[in-house]
Amino acid sequence: MRYKLLIILSFLTLTLHAQERNEYLPFGKMDSWTVRYIKESILLGGKTRALYVIAKTDTIRKNGAYPYGRNGSPWSTSNAYAKVCGVEKAAISVTPERRGDG
C-alpha cells in the first residue's frame, strides 16, 4: 500500500512540475517602439535621423539623451545620440523589422 501511495505522489509532483508556462518579458514581443527624431548639426549635413528604442509606442521630436528604463522597458539599444562642443550626431544601428502582418 505504501508503495502505491509513494508512486502516486511522485507521479503527481512530476506532472505539476512538468507544466510549462511561457511569459514574455515586458515589451518582449518587440512590436512596440519609441521613435526619436534627432536633427544633426549643419557641420554633419543637417539631416534628421530616426533613432528607435523598444518601449511604449511614442514619438519624440527633440534632441536630447533618452532616459532608458523609462516606461518600464528593460530594453536598451546601441543607437546613440551625442552632443560634443555643440555638434550633435546620431548613430543608428537598430531599426524595427517588419514581421508577419506588421
PDB file of N, CA and C in Angstrom:
ATOM      1  N   MET A   1       0.808  -1.186   0.000  1.00  0.00           N
ATOM      2  CA  MET A   1       0.000   0.000   0.000  1.00  0.00           C
ATOM      3  C   MET A   1       0.864   1.267   0.000  1.00  0.00           C
ATOM      4  N   ARG A   2       1.955   1.222   0.792  1.00  0.00           N
ATOM      5  CA  ARG A   2       2.835   2.381   0.854  1.00  0.00           C
ATOM      6  C   ARG A   2       3.474   2.670  -0.504  1.00  0.00           C
ATOM      7  N   TYR A   3       3.837   1.616  -1.205  1.00  0.00           N
ATOM      8  CA  TYR A   3       4.497   1.802  -2.495  1.00  0.00           C
ATOM      9  C   TYR A   3       3.554   2.431  -3.516  1.00  0.00           C
ATOM     10  N   LYS A   4       2.292   2.019  -3.488  1.00  0.00           N
ATOM     11  CA  LYS A   4       1.320   2.602  -4.407  1.00  0.00           C
ATOM     12  C   LYS A   4       1.123   4.087  -4.095  1.00  0.00           C
ATOM     13  N   LEU A   5       1.032   4.407  -2.821  1.00  0.00           N
ATOM     14  CA  LEU A   5       0.874   5.798  -2.422  1.00  0.00           C
ATOM     15  C   LEU A   5       2.107   6.615  -2.810  1.00  0.00           C
ATOM     16  N   LEU A   6       3.279   6.061  -2.620  1.00  0.00           N
ATOM     17  CA  LEU A   6       4.516   6.737  -2.990  1.00  0.00           C
ATOM     18  C   LEU A   6       4.583   6.961  -4.502  1.00  0.00           C
ATOM     19  N   ILE A   7       4.198   5.988  -5.274  1.00  0.00           N
ATOM     20  CA  ILE A   7       4.210   6.117  -6.736  1.00  0.00           C
ATOM     21  C   ILE A   7       3.203   7.174  -7.179  1.00  0.00           C
ATOM     22  N   ILE A   8       2.036   7.172  -6.609  1.00  0.00           N
ATOM     23  CA  ILE A   8       1.011   8.156  -6.971  1.00  0.00           C
ATOM     24  C   ILE A   8       1.466   9.570  -6.611  1.00  0.00           C
ATOM     25  N   LEU A   9       2.029   9.748  -5.428  1.00  0.00           N
ATOM     26  CA  LEU A   9       2.513  11.069  -5.020  1.00  0.00           C
ATOM     27  C   LEU A   9       3.659  11.569  -5.905  1.00  0.00           C
ATOM     28  N   SER A  10       4.583  10.680  -6.232  1.00  0.00           N
ATOM     29  CA  SER A  10       5.699  11.091  -7.096  1.00  0.00           C
ATOM     30  C   SER A  10       5.196  11.418  -8.500  1.00  0.00           C
ATOM     31  N   PHE A  11       4.219  10.677  -8.994  1.00  0.00           N
ATOM     32  CA  PHE A  11       3.645  10.978 -10.304  1.00  0.00           C
ATOM     33  C   PHE A  11       2.958  12.337 -10.297  1.00  0.00           C
ATOM     34  N   LEU A  12       2.215  12.641  -9.238  1.00  0.00           N
ATOM     35  CA  LEU A  12       1.534  13.930  -9.140  1.00  0.00           C
ATOM     36  C   LEU A  12       2.522  15.092  -9.080  1.00  0.00           C
ATOM     37  N   THR A  13       3.581  14.943  -8.313  1.00  0.00           N
ATOM     38  CA  THR A  13       4.560  16.034  -8.220  1.00  0.00           C
ATOM     39  C   THR A  13       5.276  16.228  -9.548  1.00  0.00           C
ATOM     40  N   LEU A  14       5.558  15.152 -10.263  1.00  0.00           N
ATOM     41  CA  LEU A  14       6.206  15.279 -11.573  1.00  0.00           C
ATOM     42  C   LEU A  14       5.290  15.973 -12.575  1.00  0.00           C
ATOM     43  N   THR A  15       4.026  15.645 -12.568  1.00  0.00           N
ATOM     44  CA  THR A  15       3.107  16.291 -13.521  1.00  0.00           C
ATOM     45  C   THR A  15       2.883  17.757 -13.168  1.00  0.00           C
ATOM     46  N   LEU A  16       2.885  18.099 -11.902  1.00  0.00           N
ATOM     47  CA  LEU A  16       2.722  19.506 -11.529  1.00  0.00           C
ATOM     48  C   LEU A  16       3.928  20.336 -11.940  1.00  0.00           C
ATOM     49  N   HIS A  17       5.122  19.776 -11.813  1.00  0.00           N
ATOM     50  CA  HIS A  17       6.342  20.491 -12.194  1.00  0.00           C
ATOM     51  C   HIS A  17       6.547  20.499 -13.692  1.00  0.00           C
ATOM     52  N   ALA A  18       5.933  19.585 -14.405  1.00  0.00           N
ATOM     53  CA  ALA A  18       6.137  19.487 -15.845  1.00  0.00           C
ATOM     54  C   ALA A  18       5.311  20.494 -16.624  1.00  0.00           C
ATOM     55  N   GLN A  19       4.344  21.140 -15.992  1.00  0.00           N
ATOM     56  CA  GLN A  19       3.536  22.122 -16.702  1.00  0.00           C
ATOM     57  C   GLN A  19       4.373  23.357 -16.982  1.00  0.00           C
ATOM     58  N   GLU A  20       4.457  23.705 -18.274  1.00  0.00           N
ATOM     59  CA  GLU A  20       5.242  24.868 -18.655  1.00  0.00           C
ATOM     60  C   GLU A  20       4.340  26.073 -18.834  1.00  0.00           C
ATOM     61  N   ARG A  21       4.913  27.221 -18.559  1.00  0.00           N
ATOM     62  CA  ARG A  21       4.196  28.465 -18.729  1.00  0.00           C
ATOM     63  C   ARG A  21       5.131  29.452 -19.397  1.00  0.00           C
ATOM     64  N   ASN A  22       4.758  29.914 -20.564  1.00  0.00           N
ATOM     65  CA  ASN A  22       5.585  30.880 -21.285  1.00  0.00           C
ATOM     66  C   ASN A  22       5.086  32.277 -21.004  1.00  0.00           C
ATOM     67  N   GLU A  23       5.979  33.134 -20.533  1.00  0.00           N
ATOM     68  CA  GLU A  23       5.657  34.522 -20.279  1.00  0.00           C
ATOM     69  C   GLU A  23       6.701  35.391 -20.967  1.00  0.00           C
ATOM     70  N   TYR A  24       6.250  36.453 -21.574  1.00  0.00           N
ATOM     71  CA  TYR A  24       7.173  37.391 -22.196  1.00  0.00           C
ATOM     72  C   TYR A  24       7.674  38.392 -21.163  1.00  0.00           C
ATOM     73  N   LEU A  25       8.887  38.857 -21.378  1.00  0.00           N
ATOM     74  CA  LEU A  25       9.385  39.999 -20.617  1.00  0.00           C
ATOM     75  C   LEU A  25       8.593  41.220 -21.062  1.00  0.00           C
ATOM     76  N   PRO A  26       8.605  42.287 -20.301  1.00  0.00           N
ATOM     77  CA  PRO A  26       7.920  43.493 -20.771  1.00  0.00           C
ATOM     78  C   PRO A  26       8.476  43.921 -22.134  1.00  0.00           C
ATOM     79  N   PHE A  27       7.605  44.162 -23.087  1.00  0.00           N
ATOM     80  CA  PHE A  27       7.948  44.530 -24.459  1.00  0.00           C
ATOM     81  C   PHE A  27       8.760  43.434 -25.152  1.00  0.00           C
ATOM     82  N   GLY A  28       8.623  42.188 -24.691  1.00  0.00           N
ATOM     83  CA  GLY A  28       9.402  41.071 -25.222  1.00  0.00           C
ATOM     84  C   GLY A  28       9.011  40.637 -26.621  1.00  0.00           C
ATOM     85  N   LYS A  29       7.834  41.004 -27.075  1.00  0.00           N
ATOM     86  CA  LYS A  29       7.433  40.673 -28.439  1.00  0.00           C
ATOM     87  C   LYS A  29       8.081  41.610 -29.447  1.00  0.00           C
ATOM     88  N   MET A  30       8.660  42.682 -28.956  1.00  0.00           N
ATOM     89  CA  MET A  30       9.371  43.677 -29.762  1.00  0.00           C
ATOM     90  C   MET A  30       8.510  44.223 -30.893  1.00  0.00           C
ATOM     91  N   ASP A  31       7.261  44.501 -30.560  1.00  0.00           N
ATOM     92  CA  ASP A  31       6.349  45.063 -31.546  1.00  0.00           C
ATOM     93  C   ASP A  31       5.923  46.481 -31.171  1.00  0.00           C
ATOM     94  N   SER A  32       6.565  47.062 -30.193  1.00  0.00           N
ATOM     95  CA  SER A  32       6.244  48.402 -29.725  1.00  0.00           C
ATOM     96  C   SER A  32       7.547  49.205 -29.656  1.00  0.00           C
ATOM     97  N   TRP A  33       7.597  50.330 -30.396  1.00  0.00           N
ATOM     98  CA  TRP A  33       8.832  51.104 -30.495  1.00  0.00           C
ATOM     99  C   TRP A  33       8.581  52.582 -30.229  1.00  0.00           C
ATOM    100  N   THR A  34       9.543  53.217 -29.587  1.00  0.00           N
ATOM    101  CA  THR A  34       9.561  54.669 -29.465  1.00  0.00           C
ATOM    102  C   THR A  34      10.530  55.187 -30.519  1.00  0.00           C
ATOM    103  N   VAL A  35      10.117  56.197 -31.265  1.00  0.00           N
ATOM    104  CA  VAL A  35      10.969  56.776 -32.308  1.00  0.00           C
ATOM    105  C   VAL A  35      11.396  58.164 -31.842  1.00  0.00           C
ATOM    106  N   ARG A  36      12.694  58.417 -31.904  1.00  0.00           N
ATOM    107  CA  ARG A  36      13.229  59.746 -31.571  1.00  0.00           C
ATOM    108  C   ARG A  36      13.791  60.351 -32.850  1.00  0.00           C
ATOM    109  N   TYR A  37      13.317  61.509 -33.229  1.00  0.00           N
ATOM    110  CA  TYR A  37      13.850  62.197 -34.400  1.00  0.00           C
ATOM    111  C   TYR A  37      14.887  63.199 -33.926  1.00  0.00           C
ATOM    112  N   ILE A  38      16.115  63.004 -34.382  1.00  0.00           N
ATOM    113  CA  ILE A  38      17.249  63.831 -33.976  1.00  0.00           C
ATOM    114  C   ILE A  38      17.730  64.629 -35.174  1.00  0.00           C
ATOM    115  N   LYS A  39      17.814  65.950 -35.014  1.00  0.00           N
ATOM    116  CA  LYS A  39      18.335  66.834 -36.059  1.00  0.00           C
ATOM    117  C   LYS A  39      19.829  66.985 -35.839  1.00  0.00           C
ATOM    118  N   GLU A  40      20.616  66.488 -36.804  1.00  0.00           N
ATOM    119  CA  GLU A  40      22.073  66.578 -36.685  1.00  0.00           C
ATOM    120  C   GLU A  40      22.546  67.992 -37.018  1.00  0.00           C
ATOM    121  N   SER A  41      23.747  68.296 -36.600  1.00  0.00           N
ATOM    122  CA  SER A  41      24.329  69.615 -36.828  1.00  0.00           C
ATOM    123  C   SER A  41      24.562  69.859 -38.318  1.00  0.00           C
ATOM    124  N   ILE A  42      24.565  71.133 -38.678  1.00  0.00           N
ATOM    125  CA  ILE A  42      24.802  71.544 -40.066  1.00  0.00           C
ATOM    126  C   ILE A  42      26.176  71.058 -40.531  1.00  0.00           C
ATOM    127  N   LEU A  43      27.155  71.015 -39.618  1.00  0.00           N
ATOM    128  CA  LEU A  43      28.501  70.556 -39.974  1.00  0.00           C
ATOM    129  C   LEU A  43      28.502  69.104 -40.470  1.00  0.00           C
ATOM    130  N   LEU A  44      27.523  68.329 -40.036  1.00  0.00           N
ATOM    131  CA  LEU A  44      27.443  66.914 -40.420  1.00  0.00           C
ATOM    132  C   LEU A  44      26.379  66.666 -41.491  1.00  0.00           C
ATOM    133  N   GLY A  45      25.848  67.725 -42.075  1.00  0.00           N
ATOM    134  CA  GLY A  45      24.862  67.570 -43.133  1.00  0.00           C
ATOM    135  C   GLY A  45      23.472  68.040 -42.762  1.00  0.00           C
ATOM    136  N   GLY A  46      23.178  68.197 -41.484  1.00  0.00           N
ATOM    137  CA  GLY A  46      21.896  68.720 -41.037  1.00  0.00           C
ATOM    138  C   GLY A  46      20.709  67.799 -41.254  1.00  0.00           C
ATOM    139  N   LYS A  47      20.944  66.514 -41.455  1.00  0.00           N
ATOM    140  CA  LYS A  47      19.856  65.565 -41.685  1.00  0.00           C
ATOM    141  C   LYS A  47      19.103  65.264 -40.386  1.00  0.00           C
ATOM    142  N   THR A  48      17.864  64.838 -40.534  1.00  0.00           N
ATOM    143  CA  THR A  48      17.086  64.372 -39.389  1.00  0.00           C
ATOM    144  C   THR A  48      17.140  62.851 -39.384  1.00  0.00           C
ATOM    145  N   ARG A  49      17.599  62.284 -38.291  1.00  0.00           N
ATOM    146  CA  ARG A  49      17.749  60.834 -38.155  1.00  0.00           C
ATOM    147  C   ARG A  49      16.699  60.284 -37.202  1.00  0.00           C
ATOM    148  N   ALA A  50      16.290  59.045 -37.443  1.00  0.00           N
ATOM    149  CA  ALA A  50      15.314  58.377 -36.576  1.00  0.00           C
ATOM    150  C   ALA A  50      16.033  57.328 -35.742  1.00  0.00           C
ATOM    151  N   LEU A  51      15.973  57.477 -34.424  1.00  0.00           N
ATOM    152  CA  LEU A  51      16.549  56.506 -33.505  1.00  0.00           C
ATOM    153  C   LEU A  51      15.406  55.731 -32.863  1.00  0.00           C
ATOM    154  N   TYR A  52      15.531  54.413 -32.796  1.00  0.00           N
ATOM    155  CA  TYR A  52      14.461  53.554 -32.293  1.00  0.00           C
ATOM    156  C   TYR A  52      14.839  52.938 -30.952  1.00  0.00           C
ATOM    157  N   VAL A  53      13.842  52.844 -30.059  1.00  0.00           N
ATOM    158  CA  VAL A  53      14.004  52.234 -28.741  1.00  0.00           C
ATOM    159  C   VAL A  53      12.808  51.320 -28.514  1.00  0.00           C
ATOM    160  N   ILE A  54      13.058  50.118 -27.983  1.00  0.00           N
ATOM    161  CA  ILE A  54      11.969  49.195 -27.677  1.00  0.00           C
ATOM    162  C   ILE A  54      11.315  49.665 -26.384  1.00  0.00           C
ATOM    163  N   ALA A  55      10.126  50.248 -26.527  1.00  0.00           N
ATOM    164  CA  ALA A  55       9.376  50.797 -25.389  1.00  0.00           C
ATOM    165  C   ALA A  55       7.955  51.057 -25.864  1.00  0.00           C
ATOM    166  N   LYS A  56       7.168  51.767 -25.062  1.00  0.00           N
ATOM    167  CA  LYS A  56       5.811  52.112 -25.479  1.00  0.00           C
ATOM    168  C   LYS A  56       5.849  52.893 -26.784  1.00  0.00           C
ATOM    169  N   THR A  57       4.844  52.703 -27.618  1.00  0.00           N
ATOM    170  CA  THR A  57       4.785  53.414 -28.886  1.00  0.00           C
ATOM    171  C   THR A  57       4.673  54.911 -28.609  1.00  0.00           C
ATOM    172  N   ASP A  58       5.658  55.653 -29.110  1.00  0.00           N
ATOM    173  CA  ASP A  58       5.728  57.082 -28.850  1.00  0.00           C
ATOM    174  C   ASP A  58       6.621  57.719 -29.896  1.00  0.00           C
ATOM    175  N   THR A  59       6.497  59.015 -30.060  1.00  0.00           N
ATOM    176  CA  THR A  59       7.359  59.776 -30.964  1.00  0.00           C
ATOM    177  C   THR A  59       7.911  60.960 -30.202  1.00  0.00           C
ATOM    178  N   ILE A  60       9.230  61.123 -30.231  1.00  0.00           N
ATOM    179  CA  ILE A  60       9.904  62.230 -29.550  1.00  0.00           C
ATOM    180  C   ILE A  60      10.605  63.055 -30.616  1.00  0.00           C
ATOM    181  N   ARG A  61      10.319  64.344 -30.658  1.00  0.00           N
ATOM    182  CA  ARG A  61      10.883  65.211 -31.685  1.00  0.00           C
ATOM    183  C   ARG A  61      11.782  66.293 -31.070  1.00  0.00           C
ATOM    184  N   LYS A  62      12.706  65.888 -30.244  1.00  0.00           N
ATOM    185  CA  LYS A  62      13.657  66.863 -29.698  1.00  0.00           C
ATOM    186  C   LYS A  62      14.994  66.173 -29.471  1.00  0.00           C
ATOM    187  N   ASN A  63      16.045  66.944 -29.625  1.00  0.00           N
ATOM    188  CA  ASN A  63      17.380  66.410 -29.383  1.00  0.00           C
ATOM    189  C   ASN A  63      17.611  66.309 -27.882  1.00  0.00           C
ATOM    190  N   GLY A  64      18.181  65.204 -27.476  1.00  0.00           N
ATOM    191  CA  GLY A  64      18.480  65.013 -26.066  1.00  0.00           C
ATOM    192  C   GLY A  64      18.681  63.537 -25.764  1.00  0.00           C
ATOM    193  N   ALA A  65      19.271  63.286 -24.637  1.00  0.00           N
ATOM    194  CA  ALA A  65      19.518  61.904 -24.222  1.00  0.00           C
ATOM    195  C   ALA A  65      18.205  61.225 -23.864  1.00  0.00           C
ATOM    196  N   TYR A  66      18.112  59.936 -24.150  1.00  0.00           N
ATOM    197  CA  TYR A  66      16.908  59.175 -23.826  1.00  0.00           C
ATOM    198  C   TYR A  66      17.112  58.473 -22.488  1.00  0.00           C
ATOM    199  N   PRO A  67      16.212  58.670 -21.529  1.00  0.00           N
ATOM    200  CA  PRO A  67      16.358  58.013 -20.222  1.00  0.00           C
ATOM    201  C   PRO A  67      15.888  56.555 -20.300  1.00  0.00           C
ATOM    202  N   TYR A  68      16.803  55.636 -20.553  1.00  0.00           N
ATOM    203  CA  TYR A  68      16.445  54.224 -20.634  1.00  0.00           C
ATOM    204  C   TYR A  68      15.855  53.753 -19.313  1.00  0.00           C
ATOM    205  N   GLY A  69      14.913  52.819 -19.403  1.00  0.00           N
ATOM    206  CA  GLY A  69      14.230  52.336 -18.219  1.00  0.00           C
ATOM    207  C   GLY A  69      12.931  53.083 -17.974  1.00  0.00           C
ATOM    208  N   ARG A  70      12.759  54.202 -18.656  1.00  0.00           N
ATOM    209  CA  ARG A  70      11.516  54.962 -18.556  1.00  0.00           C
ATOM    210  C   ARG A  70      10.402  54.120 -19.185  1.00  0.00           C
ATOM    211  N   ASN A  71       9.209  54.232 -18.737  1.00  0.00           N
ATOM    212  CA  ASN A  71       8.057  53.474 -19.241  1.00  0.00           C
ATOM    213  C   ASN A  71       8.142  51.996 -18.917  1.00  0.00           C
ATOM    214  N   GLY A  72       9.027  51.595 -18.027  1.00  0.00           N
ATOM    215  CA  GLY A  72       9.082  50.204 -17.599  1.00  0.00           C
ATOM    216  C   GLY A  72       9.744  49.252 -18.572  1.00  0.00           C
ATOM    217  N   SER A  73      10.415  49.739 -19.582  1.00  0.00           N
ATOM    218  CA  SER A  73      11.062  48.863 -20.558  1.00  0.00           C
ATOM    219  C   SER A  73      12.452  48.463 -20.074  1.00  0.00           C
ATOM    220  N   PRO A  74      12.748  47.152 -20.032  1.00  0.00           N
ATOM    221  CA  PRO A  74      14.078  46.720 -19.621  1.00  0.00           C
ATOM    222  C   PRO A  74      15.078  46.722 -20.780  1.00  0.00           C
ATOM    223  N   TRP A  75      14.636  47.096 -21.972  1.00  0.00           N
ATOM    224  CA  TRP A  75      15.471  47.005 -23.168  1.00  0.00           C
ATOM    225  C   TRP A  75      16.241  48.286 -23.416  1.00  0.00           C
ATOM    226  N   SER A  76      17.381  48.118 -24.050  1.00  0.00           N
ATOM    227  CA  SER A  76      18.199  49.238 -24.462  1.00  0.00           C
ATOM    228  C   SER A  76      18.696  48.935 -25.877  1.00  0.00           C
ATOM    229  N   THR A  77      19.115  49.931 -26.606  1.00  0.00           N
ATOM    230  CA  THR A  77      19.665  49.695 -27.939  1.00  0.00           C
ATOM    231  C   THR A  77      21.026  50.352 -28.043  1.00  0.00           C
ATOM    232  N   SER A  78      21.718  50.051 -29.119  1.00  0.00           N
ATOM    233  CA  SER A  78      23.022  50.662 -29.319  1.00  0.00           C
ATOM    234  C   SER A  78      22.917  51.908 -30.191  1.00  0.00           C
ATOM    235  N   ASN A  79      21.702  52.392 -30.443  1.00  0.00           N
ATOM    236  CA  ASN A  79      21.547  53.684 -31.100  1.00  0.00           C
ATOM    237  C   ASN A  79      22.055  54.756 -30.139  1.00  0.00           C
ATOM    238  N   ALA A  80      22.739  55.742 -30.686  1.00  0.00           N
ATOM    239  CA  ALA A  80      23.365  56.720 -29.803  1.00  0.00           C
ATOM    240  C   ALA A  80      23.130  58.142 -30.279  1.00  0.00           C
ATOM    241  N   TYR A  81      23.065  59.049 -29.332  1.00  0.00           N
ATOM    242  CA  TYR A  81      22.992  60.477 -29.585  1.00  0.00           C
ATOM    243  C   TYR A  81      24.126  61.125 -28.801  1.00  0.00           C
ATOM    244  N   ALA A  82      24.867  62.009 -29.460  1.00  0.00           N
ATOM    245  CA  ALA A  82      25.960  62.699 -28.772  1.00  0.00           C
ATOM    246  C   ALA A  82      25.959  64.169 -29.161  1.00  0.00           C
ATOM    247  N   LYS A  83      26.286  64.985 -28.180  1.00  0.00           N
ATOM    248  CA  LYS A  83      26.453  66.417 -28.414  1.00  0.00           C
ATOM    249  C   LYS A  83      27.787  66.809 -27.798  1.00  0.00           C
ATOM    250  N   VAL A  84      28.755  67.084 -28.668  1.00  0.00           N
ATOM    251  CA  VAL A  84      30.098  67.415 -28.222  1.00  0.00           C
ATOM    252  C   VAL A  84      30.462  68.784 -28.793  1.00  0.00           C
ATOM    253  N   CYS A  85      30.757  69.712 -27.934  1.00  0.00           N
ATOM    254  CA  CYS A  85      31.134  71.079 -28.331  1.00  0.00           C
ATOM    255  C   CYS A  85      30.102  71.689 -29.272  1.00  0.00           C
ATOM    256  N   GLY A  86      28.820  71.412 -29.032  1.00  0.00           N
ATOM    257  CA  GLY A  86      27.764  71.991 -29.843  1.00  0.00           C
ATOM    258  C   GLY A  86      27.439  71.234 -31.127  1.00  0.00           C
ATOM    259  N   VAL A  87      28.214  70.201 -31.438  1.00  0.00           N
ATOM    260  CA  VAL A  87      27.974  69.398 -32.641  1.00  0.00           C
ATOM    261  C   VAL A  87      27.151  68.186 -32.232  1.00  0.00           C
ATOM    262  N   GLU A  88      25.956  68.039 -32.841  1.00  0.00           N
ATOM    263  CA  GLU A  88      25.051  66.942 -32.500  1.00  0.00           C
ATOM    264  C   GLU A  88      25.107  65.858 -33.564  1.00  0.00           C
ATOM    265  N   LYS A  89      25.202  64.602 -33.113  1.00  0.00           N
ATOM    266  CA  LYS A  89      25.356  63.460 -34.010  1.00  0.00           C
ATOM    267  C   LYS A  89      24.501  62.309 -33.517  1.00  0.00           C
ATOM    268  N   ALA A  90      23.888  61.581 -34.452  1.00  0.00           N
ATOM    269  CA  ALA A  90      23.110  60.380 -34.131  1.00  0.00           C
ATOM    270  C   ALA A  90      23.752  59.195 -34.837  1.00  0.00           C
ATOM    271  N   ALA A  91      23.886  58.090 -34.125  1.00  0.00           N
ATOM    272  CA  ALA A  91      24.431  56.859 -34.694  1.00  0.00           C
ATOM    273  C   ALA A  91      23.341  55.791 -34.633  1.00  0.00           C
ATOM    274  N   ILE A  92      23.006  55.220 -35.776  1.00  0.00           N
ATOM    275  CA  ILE A  92      21.879  54.289 -35.875  1.00  0.00           C
ATOM    276  C   ILE A  92      22.398  52.892 -36.189  1.00  0.00           C
ATOM    277  N   SER A  93      22.043  51.928 -35.349  1.00  0.00           N
ATOM    278  CA  SER A  93      22.405  50.533 -35.632  1.00  0.00           C
ATOM    279  C   SER A  93      21.223  49.586 -35.419  1.00  0.00           C
ATOM    280  N   VAL A  94      20.122  50.073 -34.811  1.00  0.00           N
ATOM    281  CA  VAL A  94      18.952  49.238 -34.547  1.00  0.00           C
ATOM    282  C   VAL A  94      17.719  49.875 -35.179  1.00  0.00           C
ATOM    283  N   THR A  95      17.022  49.101 -36.002  1.00  0.00           N
ATOM    284  CA  THR A  95      15.773  49.561 -36.592  1.00  0.00           C
ATOM    285  C   THR A  95      14.771  48.417 -36.519  1.00  0.00           C
ATOM    286  N   PRO A  96      13.479  48.728 -36.398  1.00  0.00           N
ATOM    287  CA  PRO A  96      12.485  47.650 -36.370  1.00  0.00           C
ATOM    288  C   PRO A  96      12.364  46.988 -37.734  1.00  0.00           C
ATOM    289  N   GLU A  97      12.073  45.716 -37.730  1.00  0.00           N
ATOM    290  CA  GLU A  97      11.918  44.950 -38.960  1.00  0.00           C
ATOM    291  C   GLU A  97      10.485  44.455 -39.051  1.00  0.00           C
ATOM    292  N   ARG A  98       9.882  44.587 -40.214  1.00  0.00           N
ATOM    293  CA  ARG A  98       8.512  44.127 -40.387  1.00  0.00           C
ATOM    294  C   ARG A  98       8.469  42.607 -40.327  1.00  0.00           C
ATOM    295  N   ARG A  99       7.494  42.083 -39.543  1.00  0.00           N
ATOM    296  CA  ARG A  99       7.308  40.649 -39.422  1.00  0.00           C
ATOM    297  C   ARG A  99       5.838  40.321 -39.612  1.00  0.00           C
ATOM    298  N   GLY A 100       5.554  39.286 -40.307  1.00  0.00           N
ATOM    299  CA  GLY A 100       4.172  38.829 -40.438  1.00  0.00           C
ATOM    300  C   GLY A 100       3.245  39.912 -40.948  1.00  0.00           C
ATOM    301  N   ASP A 101       2.230  40.258 -40.155  1.00  0.00           N
ATOM    302  CA  ASP A 101       1.238  41.261 -40.553  1.00  0.00           C
ATOM    303  C   ASP A 101       1.658  42.676 -40.178  1.00  0.00           C
ATOM    304  N   GLY A 102       2.809  42.858 -39.649  1.00  0.00           N
ATOM    305  CA  GLY A 102       3.205  44.218 -39.311  1.00  0.00           C
ATOM    306  C   GLY A 102       4.193  44.292 -38.234  1.00  0.00           C
TER     307      GLY A 102
END
